[in-house]
Amino acid sequence: MRRIRARLMPLLAAVCLATACVTGETAPPPSAQEAGSRELQSSVDEYMQAAVRHAQFSGSILIARDGVPLVSRGYGMANYELGAPNTPQTVFRIASLTKQFTAMAIMQLQERGRLDINDPICRYLDNCPQAWAPISIRHLLTHTSGIPNFSSQPDWDEVTSVQRQTRLGFVNVFRDLPLLFAPGEGFRYSNSGYYLLGLIVERASGKNYGDYLQENIFSPLGMADTRLYDGRALLANRASGYDWSGNTFVVPEYANETTAFANGGLVSTTHDLLRWDQALYTEQLLPRRALDEMFTPVRERYGYGWLIGDWFGRQTYAHSGSFQGFSAFIARMPSERLTIIVLSNSDRASATGVARSLAAIALGEDYHLPEQQLFDRLWETILAQGAGAAIDHMRQARLAQPDAGEEHEETLNDLGYDLVANQRIADAIQIFALAVELFPQSANAYDSLGEAYMNAGQRDLAIRNYQRSLDLDPENQHAARMIAELRARN
């Protein structure tokens, strides 16, 4: 474990972030504050360099106290094809960080008398299904509506996410799904709910969602690089998102833009998000009583677009986001006036994990440097010695960490699919077969092995494993469809 020796005092002025400032005069001895700032920057850079090496981090980070950046840097590339580095000016997709802006828009419209969050949502939505009649706007804000999350549905990645839809047409993807629970009686994170909130903003305001945010939030705060994403628009300093396959970055298969709206459609920079963070300490956008309501947890520590938790004994308002090659996180610690923002264009990077470690460094708490991950050790072993050696390595890992079952299963699943993507089907079959052996009650493990056999042209073995997956999970519609398709083939 590592920790900075003492908590850093707030900076009174901006500091040189990358290297020491060079002048023609002999510099005076550094003050305690300057020395502390340099120690923070050195520790952060050491951590981030390890994250680049071992956690495939690529992106931009910002640590600020009282609105003053203590560290603001980019790592990796905004565009690997062009060799364009990430900088504090790089524009990233912020995915579900969008939800806090949607919640702000709803609360502003309530303050202006255009809606009430206790109103039924069907007052603002066309062709509203009867099952939604008891659902209020507040239920959508707090993920307590019971409406299923569209991105958790079967075949989402392979089929639904890539289909072109109008925004109203996209609602049909989830409008007829049965509610998971009676409105207000449970909690289930739902992109569907926040998608509907965007439509409600448009109906109540009479403006397009993006235009409303621009006029009422972004422009007043000077957030010049924040907007609703439009893949056709030219956008200076825009980062490309990347997936990690095997041991290299690849371009992901992008979902249709209609899937990312008020639930996750914004782009921004670390410095624009700092402006947003600082505005939340004021009443520029919303009266204090309404802000306090937004940051009050309802169920599962979730307020309106924010998760209210505790980091290192300090109350923390935070949210994460992830969308096709991008990962994002913002954490606010009001008692410390500390802000941590991490925007990444790597799907392997955990913006949440990086943010928590950066908070620990800034607060003088214990943290660990990232180390080489099990996935990478297994991949390197396969390339050098074959799948058999990697399987031996995995068995040793299971003996050393018997309680890491979920993590190990996920590692094997990711490893197998990367092998399939790299046309190493025989190796993939061995890895998925190991997953089935180690996790015999996992429907997903059998489903994955079935897919590998299908790619290998071994129809009967594919059907057998898909059927076993369906036996374990009768709701696995993907397995059921694949069995039908395989049986229909000659």
Protein backbone atom coordinates (compact mmCIF):
# COMPACT_ATOMS: atom_id res chain seq x y z
CA MET A 1 0.00 0.00 0.00
CA ARG A 2 1.09 3.54 -0.67
CA ARG A 3 -0.02 6.86 0.69
CA ILE A 4 1.06 10.46 0.45
CA ARG A 5 2.46 11.52 3.80
CA ALA A 6 0.15 14.45 4.47
CA ARG A 7 -3.08 15.83 3.11
CA LEU A 8 -2.52 18.66 0.65
CA MET A 9 -3.68 22.19 1.38
CA PRO A 10 -5.77 23.99 -1.25
CA LEU A 11 -3.78 25.74 -3.93
CA LEU A 12 -4.09 29.52 -4.06
CA ALA A 13 -3.03 29.72 -7.72
CA ALA A 14 -2.65 27.45 -10.72
CA VAL A 15 0.44 25.26 -10.71
CA CYS A 16 2.70 23.93 -13.46
CA LEU A 17 1.25 20.50 -14.07
CA ALA A 18 3.55 18.61 -16.36
CA THR A 19 7.09 19.79 -15.55
CA ALA A 20 8.79 22.38 -13.39
CA CYS A 21 8.50 25.94 -14.72
CA VAL A 22 11.83 27.09 -16.13
CA THR A 23 13.03 30.68 -15.85
CA GLY A 24 16.32 32.43 -16.22
CA GLU A 25 16.56 33.12 -12.50
CA THR A 26 17.45 30.90 -9.58
CA ALA A 27 14.22 29.63 -8.09
CA PRO A 28 13.63 30.15 -4.37
CA PRO A 29 13.24 27.09 -2.16
CA PRO A 30 9.77 25.55 -2.61
CA SER A 31 7.15 26.29 0.01
CA ALA A 32 5.45 23.48 1.89
CA GLN A 33 2.41 23.97 -0.33
CA GLU A 34 4.46 23.76 -3.52
CA ALA A 35 6.27 20.67 -2.24
CA GLY A 36 2.95 19.05 -1.40
CA SER A 37 1.63 19.85 -4.86
CA ARG A 38 4.68 18.30 -6.49
CA GLU A 39 4.33 15.21 -4.32
CA LEU A 40 0.69 14.88 -5.35
CA GLN A 41 1.53 15.25 -9.03
CA SER A 42 4.39 12.77 -8.77
CA SER A 43 2.24 10.18 -6.98
CA VAL A 44 -0.64 10.63 -9.41
CA ASP A 45 1.65 10.29 -12.41
CA GLU A 46 3.24 7.16 -10.97
CA TYR A 47 -0.21 5.65 -10.48
CA MET A 48 -1.46 6.67 -13.93
CA GLN A 49 1.62 5.36 -15.73
CA ALA A 50 1.00 2.01 -14.05
CA ALA A 51 -2.67 2.22 -15.11
CA VAL A 52 -1.59 2.81 -18.72
CA ARG A 53 0.77 -0.19 -18.61
CA HIS A 54 -1.36 -2.67 -16.73
CA ALA A 55 -4.99 -1.49 -16.95
CA GLN A 56 -5.01 -0.20 -20.54
CA PHE A 57 -5.96 3.30 -19.39
CA SER A 58 -6.29 5.97 -22.04
CA GLY A 59 -7.96 9.27 -21.24
CA SER A 60 -7.84 12.47 -19.21
CA ILE A 61 -8.00 13.03 -15.46
CA LEU A 62 -8.61 16.02 -13.22
CA ILE A 63 -8.23 16.49 -9.48
CA ALA A 64 -9.43 19.83 -8.11
CA ARG A 65 -9.94 21.43 -4.73
CA ASP A 66 -12.14 24.49 -4.32
CA GLY A 67 -12.49 24.52 -8.10
CA VAL A 68 -8.73 24.87 -8.65
CA PRO A 69 -7.11 22.06 -10.67
CA LEU A 70 -4.34 20.33 -8.73
CA VAL A 71 -3.70 17.79 -11.49
CA SER A 72 -5.05 17.95 -15.04
CA ARG A 73 -3.45 15.61 -17.54
CA GLY A 74 -4.04 13.33 -20.48
CA TYR A 75 -2.67 9.82 -20.96
CA GLY A 76 -2.65 7.61 -24.02
CA MET A 77 -4.12 8.63 -27.34
CA ALA A 78 -7.34 10.38 -28.30
CA ASN A 79 -6.85 8.78 -31.70
CA TYR A 80 -4.39 5.94 -32.07
CA GLU A 81 -4.62 5.90 -35.86
CA LEU A 82 -3.50 9.53 -36.08
CA GLY A 83 -1.19 9.51 -33.07
CA ALA A 84 -3.18 12.32 -31.41
CA PRO A 85 -2.60 12.33 -27.63
CA ASN A 86 -5.22 12.85 -24.97
CA THR A 87 -5.06 16.26 -23.29
CA PRO A 88 -7.24 18.21 -20.82
CA GLN A 89 -8.98 19.64 -23.91
CA THR A 90 -9.95 16.24 -25.34
CA VAL A 91 -13.71 15.72 -25.76
CA PHE A 92 -15.05 12.35 -24.59
CA ARG A 93 -18.40 10.65 -24.57
CA ILE A 94 -19.49 10.75 -20.93
CA ALA A 95 -22.22 8.10 -21.21
CA SER A 96 -24.37 7.90 -18.05
CA LEU A 97 -22.91 11.05 -16.53
CA THR A 98 -25.56 12.50 -18.85
CA LYS A 99 -28.21 11.46 -16.33
CA GLN A 100 -27.29 14.20 -13.86
CA PHE A 101 -27.87 16.84 -16.55
CA THR A 102 -31.21 15.27 -17.44
CA ALA A 103 -32.19 15.36 -13.77
CA MET A 104 -31.17 19.03 -13.58
CA ALA A 105 -33.33 19.84 -16.61
CA ILE A 106 -36.34 18.14 -15.02
CA MET A 107 -35.86 20.01 -11.75
CA GLN A 108 -35.49 23.34 -13.57
CA LEU A 109 -38.72 22.73 -15.44
CA GLN A 110 -40.44 21.97 -12.14
CA GLU A 111 -39.17 25.25 -10.68
CA ARG A 112 -40.60 27.05 -13.72
CA GLY A 113 -44.00 25.42 -13.34
CA ARG A 114 -43.75 23.40 -16.55
CA LEU A 115 -44.11 20.07 -14.76
CA ASP A 116 -44.22 18.46 -11.33
CA ILE A 117 -42.04 15.45 -10.64
CA ASN A 118 -45.03 13.75 -9.04
CA ASP A 119 -46.95 14.00 -12.32
CA PRO A 120 -47.72 10.73 -14.10
CA ILE A 121 -45.36 10.24 -17.02
CA CYS A 122 -48.25 9.42 -19.34
CA ARG A 123 -49.23 13.10 -19.23
CA TYR A 124 -46.13 13.83 -21.31
CA LEU A 125 -45.76 10.71 -23.48
CA ASP A 126 -47.70 9.68 -26.57
CA ASN A 127 -49.16 6.17 -26.81
CA CYS A 128 -48.37 5.54 -23.16
CA PRO A 129 -49.03 1.88 -22.20
CA GLN A 130 -51.53 1.23 -19.45
CA ALA A 131 -48.84 -0.41 -17.30
CA TRP A 132 -47.06 2.94 -17.07
CA ALA A 133 -50.11 4.82 -15.75
CA PRO A 134 -48.98 4.66 -12.07
CA ILE A 135 -45.42 5.77 -12.88
CA SER A 136 -44.40 9.30 -11.94
CA ILE A 137 -41.52 11.42 -13.20
CA ARG A 138 -39.90 10.97 -9.79
CA HIS A 139 -39.96 7.20 -10.27
CA LEU A 140 -37.95 7.63 -13.48
CA LEU A 141 -35.46 9.96 -11.79
CA THR A 142 -34.78 7.46 -9.01
CA HIS A 143 -34.85 4.19 -11.03
CA THR A 144 -37.89 3.04 -9.07
CA SER A 145 -40.36 2.86 -11.99
CA GLY A 146 -40.00 -0.86 -12.64
CA ILE A 147 -39.47 -0.26 -16.38
CA PRO A 148 -36.79 -2.75 -17.53
CA ASN A 149 -33.43 -1.45 -18.68
CA PHE A 150 -33.38 -1.73 -22.48
CA SER A 151 -29.62 -2.38 -22.62
CA SER A 152 -30.00 -5.42 -20.35
CA GLN A 153 -32.38 -7.19 -22.71
CA PRO A 154 -31.42 -10.37 -24.62
CA ASP A 155 -29.71 -9.78 -27.97
CA TRP A 156 -29.16 -6.12 -27.13
CA ASP A 157 -25.52 -6.07 -28.25
CA GLU A 158 -25.91 -8.22 -31.35
CA VAL A 159 -29.26 -7.04 -32.71
CA THR A 160 -31.22 -4.23 -31.08
CA SER A 161 -28.40 -1.77 -30.38
CA VAL A 162 -27.38 -1.50 -34.03
CA GLN A 163 -30.86 -0.98 -35.47
CA ARG A 164 -31.67 2.51 -36.70
CA GLN A 165 -34.68 4.00 -34.94
CA THR A 166 -36.38 7.32 -34.43
CA ARG A 167 -36.42 8.41 -30.81
CA LEU A 168 -40.12 7.78 -30.47
CA GLY A 169 -39.74 4.52 -32.36
CA PHE A 170 -36.99 3.40 -30.03
CA VAL A 171 -39.42 3.50 -27.11
CA ASN A 172 -41.12 0.49 -28.72
CA VAL A 173 -38.02 -1.56 -27.79
CA PHE A 174 -39.14 -1.53 -24.15
CA ARG A 175 -42.69 -0.08 -23.96
CA ASP A 176 -44.42 -3.47 -23.88
CA LEU A 177 -42.03 -5.22 -21.51
CA PRO A 178 -43.69 -6.17 -18.19
CA LEU A 179 -42.73 -4.05 -15.20
CA LEU A 180 -40.15 -5.60 -12.89
CA PHE A 181 -42.03 -4.41 -9.80
CA ALA A 182 -44.82 -2.03 -8.84
CA PRO A 183 -43.70 1.61 -9.25
CA GLY A 184 -41.95 2.84 -6.11
CA GLU A 185 -41.64 -0.66 -4.63
CA GLY A 186 -38.12 -1.51 -5.84
CA PHE A 187 -34.97 -0.26 -7.51
CA ARG A 188 -33.48 -1.28 -10.84
CA TYR A 189 -31.09 0.92 -12.80
CA SER A 190 -32.86 1.78 -16.02
CA ASN A 191 -31.55 3.57 -19.09
CA SER A 192 -35.11 3.25 -20.34
CA GLY A 193 -36.38 5.58 -17.61
CA TYR A 194 -33.86 8.31 -18.38
CA TYR A 195 -34.54 7.96 -22.11
CA LEU A 196 -38.18 8.75 -21.32
CA LEU A 197 -37.11 11.71 -19.17
CA GLY A 198 -35.49 13.24 -22.25
CA LEU A 199 -38.79 13.02 -24.10
CA ILE A 200 -40.52 14.61 -21.11
CA VAL A 201 -38.00 17.48 -21.13
CA GLU A 202 -38.84 18.06 -24.78
CA ARG A 203 -42.62 17.96 -24.23
CA ALA A 204 -42.55 20.21 -21.15
CA SER A 205 -40.06 22.75 -22.52
CA GLY A 206 -41.12 22.80 -26.16
CA LYS A 207 -37.44 22.47 -27.14
CA ASN A 208 -35.20 19.69 -28.36
CA TYR A 209 -33.41 18.03 -25.46
CA GLY A 210 -29.96 19.13 -26.64
CA ASP A 211 -31.12 22.70 -27.27
CA TYR A 212 -32.68 22.91 -23.81
CA LEU A 213 -29.46 21.81 -22.11
CA GLN A 214 -27.41 24.20 -24.25
CA GLU A 215 -29.56 27.20 -23.39
CA ASN A 216 -30.20 26.47 -19.72
CA ILE A 217 -27.06 24.71 -18.49
CA PHE A 218 -24.08 24.62 -20.86
CA SER A 219 -24.09 28.22 -22.12
CA PRO A 220 -24.76 29.83 -18.71
CA LEU A 221 -21.85 27.84 -17.22
CA GLY A 222 -19.46 28.40 -20.12
CA MET A 223 -19.34 24.68 -20.94
CA ALA A 224 -18.28 25.30 -24.53
CA ASP A 225 -17.20 21.72 -25.23
CA THR A 226 -20.29 19.95 -23.87
CA ARG A 227 -23.22 18.99 -26.07
CA LEU A 228 -25.48 16.18 -27.20
CA TYR A 229 -23.39 13.91 -29.40
CA ASP A 230 -23.98 13.99 -33.14
CA GLY A 231 -21.82 11.53 -35.02
CA ARG A 232 -22.13 13.57 -38.22
CA ALA A 233 -20.96 16.87 -36.71
CA LEU A 234 -17.33 18.00 -36.83
CA LEU A 235 -16.10 18.22 -33.25
CA ALA A 236 -12.66 19.58 -32.43
CA ASN A 237 -10.50 17.45 -30.11
CA ARG A 238 -12.96 14.54 -30.16
CA ALA A 239 -11.60 11.26 -28.82
CA SER A 240 -12.27 7.97 -30.56
CA GLY A 241 -13.44 5.11 -28.36
CA TYR A 242 -11.54 1.83 -28.32
CA ASP A 243 -12.14 -1.74 -27.24
CA TRP A 244 -9.31 -3.95 -26.03
CA SER A 245 -8.91 -7.23 -27.90
CA GLY A 246 -6.21 -9.63 -26.80
CA ASN A 247 -3.27 -7.28 -26.40
CA THR A 248 -4.21 -4.31 -28.57
CA PHE A 249 -6.83 -1.61 -29.02
CA VAL A 250 -9.44 -2.08 -31.73
CA VAL A 251 -12.28 0.05 -33.03
CA PRO A 252 -15.60 -1.10 -31.52
CA GLU A 253 -18.78 -1.82 -33.44
CA TYR A 254 -20.81 1.26 -32.69
CA ALA A 255 -24.43 1.16 -31.61
CA ASN A 256 -26.94 3.34 -33.36
CA GLU A 257 -27.00 6.87 -31.98
CA THR A 258 -30.69 6.67 -31.11
CA THR A 259 -29.77 4.42 -28.16
CA ALA A 260 -27.83 7.21 -26.39
CA PHE A 261 -30.03 10.17 -25.60
CA ALA A 262 -30.94 11.68 -22.22
CA ASN A 263 -29.69 8.44 -20.68
CA GLY A 264 -26.13 8.74 -21.99
CA GLY A 265 -25.69 10.90 -25.09
CA LEU A 266 -23.49 13.81 -24.01
CA VAL A 267 -19.85 14.60 -24.74
CA SER A 268 -17.68 16.80 -22.53
CA THR A 269 -14.20 17.54 -21.16
CA THR A 270 -12.75 17.32 -17.68
CA HIS A 271 -12.63 21.11 -17.37
CA ASP A 272 -16.22 21.59 -18.51
CA LEU A 273 -17.31 19.04 -15.91
CA LEU A 274 -15.40 20.99 -13.28
CA ARG A 275 -17.46 24.05 -14.19
CA TRP A 276 -20.57 21.91 -13.71
CA ASP A 277 -19.29 20.65 -10.36
CA GLN A 278 -18.63 24.17 -9.10
CA ALA A 279 -22.03 25.44 -10.21
CA LEU A 280 -23.65 22.82 -7.97
CA TYR A 281 -22.23 24.65 -4.94
CA THR A 282 -24.23 27.72 -6.00
CA GLU A 283 -27.84 28.51 -6.87
CA GLN A 284 -27.04 29.58 -10.43
CA LEU A 285 -28.99 26.69 -11.94
CA LEU A 286 -31.39 25.70 -9.17
CA PRO A 287 -32.42 26.87 -5.68
CA ARG A 288 -30.63 25.21 -2.78
CA ARG A 289 -33.69 23.33 -1.55
CA ALA A 290 -34.11 21.73 -4.98
CA LEU A 291 -30.40 20.88 -5.17
CA ASP A 292 -30.62 19.27 -1.75
CA GLU A 293 -33.52 17.17 -2.99
CA MET A 294 -31.45 15.98 -5.98
CA PHE A 295 -28.69 14.80 -3.64
CA THR A 296 -31.00 13.01 -1.20
CA PRO A 297 -30.97 9.21 -1.68
CA VAL A 298 -34.33 7.51 -2.26
CA ARG A 299 -33.50 3.82 -2.75
CA GLU A 300 -30.16 2.04 -3.01
CA ARG A 301 -28.39 5.34 -2.26
CA TYR A 302 -29.59 6.87 -5.54
CA GLY A 303 -30.94 10.43 -5.69
CA TYR A 304 -31.79 12.22 -8.93
CA GLY A 305 -29.00 11.34 -11.36
CA TRP A 306 -26.45 10.90 -8.55
CA LEU A 307 -25.31 8.04 -6.36
CA ILE A 308 -24.78 9.15 -2.76
CA GLY A 309 -22.09 7.13 -1.03
CA ASP A 310 -19.11 7.22 1.30
CA TRP A 311 -15.47 7.23 0.24
CA PHE A 312 -12.83 7.15 2.96
CA GLY A 313 -15.31 8.37 5.55
CA ARG A 314 -16.43 11.34 3.43
CA GLN A 315 -19.87 11.69 1.89
CA THR A 316 -19.45 11.42 -1.86
CA TYR A 317 -21.77 12.28 -4.73
CA ALA A 318 -20.76 10.31 -7.79
CA HIS A 319 -21.77 8.62 -11.02
CA SER A 320 -20.16 6.34 -13.56
CA GLY A 321 -20.71 5.93 -17.27
CA SER A 322 -19.75 3.41 -19.94
CA PHE A 323 -20.55 3.33 -23.64
CA GLN A 324 -18.77 1.50 -26.48
CA GLY A 325 -15.12 2.27 -25.94
CA PHE A 326 -15.64 4.99 -23.32
CA SER A 327 -15.65 5.00 -19.52
CA ALA A 328 -16.36 8.01 -17.30
CA PHE A 329 -16.61 8.90 -13.63
CA ILE A 330 -17.18 12.02 -11.53
CA ALA A 331 -16.88 12.16 -7.74
CA ARG A 332 -17.66 15.16 -5.55
CA MET A 333 -16.67 15.35 -1.87
CA PRO A 334 -18.32 18.51 -0.52
CA SER A 335 -16.68 18.31 2.92
CA GLU A 336 -13.26 18.45 1.24
CA ARG A 337 -14.37 20.58 -1.71
CA LEU A 338 -12.58 17.87 -3.69
CA THR A 339 -13.52 16.88 -7.24
CA ILE A 340 -12.25 13.85 -9.15
CA ILE A 341 -13.06 13.49 -12.86
CA VAL A 342 -11.89 10.61 -15.06
CA LEU A 343 -12.79 10.37 -18.75
CA SER A 344 -11.44 7.42 -20.70
CA ASN A 345 -11.60 6.22 -24.31
CA SER A 346 -10.65 2.65 -23.39
CA ASP A 347 -13.28 0.04 -22.62
CA ARG A 348 -10.81 -1.96 -20.49
CA ALA A 349 -10.11 0.97 -18.19
CA SER A 350 -12.21 1.27 -15.05
CA ALA A 351 -12.84 4.99 -14.65
CA THR A 352 -14.44 4.21 -11.30
CA GLY A 353 -11.36 2.38 -10.01
CA VAL A 354 -9.03 5.09 -11.24
CA ALA A 355 -11.16 7.82 -9.65
CA ARG A 356 -11.24 6.09 -6.28
CA SER A 357 -7.46 5.65 -6.29
CA LEU A 358 -6.93 9.29 -7.25
CA ALA A 359 -9.20 10.33 -4.38
CA ALA A 360 -7.12 8.17 -2.02
CA ILE A 361 -3.92 9.80 -3.24
CA ALA A 362 -5.37 13.30 -2.81
CA LEU A 363 -6.65 12.50 0.69
CA GLY A 364 -3.54 10.70 1.92
CA GLU A 365 -5.32 7.34 2.13
CA ASP A 366 -3.93 3.92 1.22
CA TYR A 367 -3.96 2.84 -2.40
CA HIS A 368 -2.35 0.25 -4.68
CA LEU A 369 -0.53 0.71 -7.95
CA PRO A 370 -2.19 -1.22 -10.81
CA GLU A 371 -0.50 -4.53 -11.57
CA GLN A 372 -0.63 -6.78 -14.59
CA GLN A 373 -4.07 -8.35 -14.80
CA LEU A 374 -4.84 -12.05 -14.96
CA PHE A 375 -6.35 -11.66 -18.44
CA ASP A 376 -3.09 -10.26 -19.81
CA ARG A 377 -0.99 -12.98 -18.18
CA LEU A 378 -3.23 -15.64 -19.70
CA TRP A 379 -3.17 -14.01 -23.12
CA GLU A 380 0.62 -13.75 -23.13
CA THR A 381 0.84 -17.38 -22.02
CA ILE A 382 -1.40 -18.51 -24.88
CA LEU A 383 0.69 -16.62 -27.42
CA ALA A 384 3.97 -17.98 -26.04
CA GLN A 385 3.08 -21.51 -24.89
CA GLY A 386 -0.44 -22.34 -26.03
CA ALA A 387 -3.85 -22.70 -24.39
CA GLY A 388 -2.78 -25.70 -22.30
CA ALA A 389 -0.22 -23.65 -20.40
CA ALA A 390 -2.75 -20.87 -19.87
CA ILE A 391 -5.22 -23.40 -18.46
CA ASP A 392 -2.59 -24.57 -15.97
CA HIS A 393 -1.98 -20.94 -15.01
CA MET A 394 -5.72 -20.41 -14.48
CA ARG A 395 -6.01 -23.47 -12.26
CA GLN A 396 -3.22 -22.10 -10.09
CA ALA A 397 -5.03 -18.76 -9.90
CA ARG A 398 -8.21 -20.51 -8.72
CA LEU A 399 -6.25 -22.29 -5.97
CA ALA A 400 -4.62 -19.04 -4.88
CA GLN A 401 -7.93 -17.07 -4.94
CA PRO A 402 -10.82 -19.49 -4.38
CA ASP A 403 -13.20 -16.64 -3.52
CA ALA A 404 -12.65 -14.80 -6.83
CA GLY A 405 -15.10 -16.95 -8.76
CA GLU A 406 -17.08 -14.18 -10.43
CA GLU A 407 -13.90 -12.36 -11.46
CA HIS A 408 -12.32 -15.54 -12.78
CA GLU A 409 -15.39 -16.53 -14.76
CA GLU A 410 -15.54 -13.08 -16.35
CA THR A 411 -11.83 -13.27 -17.20
CA LEU A 412 -12.26 -16.61 -18.95
CA ASN A 413 -15.32 -15.35 -20.81
CA ASP A 414 -13.51 -12.23 -22.03
CA LEU A 415 -10.45 -14.27 -22.94
CA GLY A 416 -12.49 -16.77 -24.94
CA TYR A 417 -14.33 -14.11 -26.92
CA ASP A 418 -11.11 -12.26 -27.72
CA LEU A 419 -9.70 -15.53 -29.00
CA VAL A 420 -12.79 -15.96 -31.20
CA ALA A 421 -12.38 -12.39 -32.50
CA ASN A 422 -8.76 -13.19 -33.35
CA GLN A 423 -9.78 -16.39 -35.18
CA ARG A 424 -8.18 -18.69 -32.59
CA ILE A 425 -11.30 -20.84 -32.34
CA ALA A 426 -9.59 -24.02 -31.07
CA ASP A 427 -7.98 -22.07 -28.23
CA ALA A 428 -11.31 -20.40 -27.46
CA ILE A 429 -13.03 -23.78 -27.16
CA GLN A 430 -10.42 -24.92 -24.62
CA ILE A 431 -10.83 -21.74 -22.56
CA PHE A 432 -14.65 -21.88 -22.59
CA ALA A 433 -14.52 -25.60 -21.75
CA LEU A 434 -12.42 -24.71 -18.70
CA ALA A 435 -15.05 -22.12 -17.71
CA VAL A 436 -17.75 -24.81 -17.91
CA GLU A 437 -15.62 -27.15 -15.80
CA LEU A 438 -14.88 -24.55 -13.13
CA PHE A 439 -18.36 -22.99 -13.13
CA PRO A 440 -20.77 -25.83 -14.00
CA GLN A 441 -23.86 -23.89 -12.87
CA SER A 442 -23.16 -20.92 -15.11
CA ALA A 443 -25.60 -20.62 -18.00
CA ASN A 444 -23.35 -18.01 -19.57
CA ALA A 445 -20.35 -20.37 -19.62
CA TYR A 446 -22.31 -22.99 -21.59
CA ASP A 447 -23.74 -20.31 -23.90
CA SER A 448 -20.21 -19.10 -24.69
CA LEU A 449 -18.92 -22.61 -25.33
CA GLY A 450 -21.89 -23.20 -27.62
CA GLU A 451 -20.96 -20.11 -29.61
CA ALA A 452 -17.35 -21.26 -29.94
CA TYR A 453 -18.47 -24.67 -31.24
CA MET A 454 -20.82 -22.92 -33.65
CA ASN A 455 -17.91 -20.84 -34.99
CA ALA A 456 -15.94 -24.06 -35.38
CA GLY A 457 -18.75 -25.59 -37.44
CA GLN A 458 -19.47 -28.27 -34.82
CA ARG A 459 -23.26 -28.06 -34.93
CA ASP A 460 -24.18 -30.89 -32.55
CA LEU A 461 -21.78 -29.74 -29.82
CA ALA A 462 -23.03 -26.18 -30.22
CA ILE A 463 -26.66 -27.31 -29.79
CA ARG A 464 -25.74 -29.47 -26.80
CA ASN A 465 -24.10 -26.58 -24.94
CA TYR A 466 -26.77 -24.05 -25.86
CA GLN A 467 -29.36 -26.51 -24.53
CA ARG A 468 -27.47 -26.92 -21.29
CA SER A 469 -27.38 -23.12 -20.95
CA LEU A 470 -31.14 -22.98 -21.57
CA ASP A 471 -31.72 -25.70 -18.97
CA LEU A 472 -29.85 -23.61 -16.40
CA ASP A 473 -31.53 -20.37 -17.46
CA PRO A 474 -34.93 -20.86 -19.17
CA GLU A 475 -35.02 -17.08 -19.83
CA ASN A 476 -31.95 -17.24 -22.08
CA GLN A 477 -33.62 -16.21 -25.32
CA HIS A 478 -30.29 -16.06 -27.15
CA ALA A 479 -29.65 -19.74 -26.49
CA ALA A 480 -33.19 -20.66 -27.53
CA ARG A 481 -32.89 -18.75 -30.79
CA MET A 482 -29.49 -20.23 -31.61
CA ILE A 483 -30.77 -23.77 -31.00
CA ALA A 484 -33.66 -23.13 -33.41
CA GLU A 485 -31.36 -21.67 -36.03
CA LEU A 486 -28.82 -24.48 -35.77
CA ARG A 487 -31.49 -27.16 -35.99
CA ALA A 488 -32.92 -25.49 -39.09
CA ARG A 489 -29.63 -25.71 -40.91
CA ASN A 490 -29.03 -28.61 -43.28
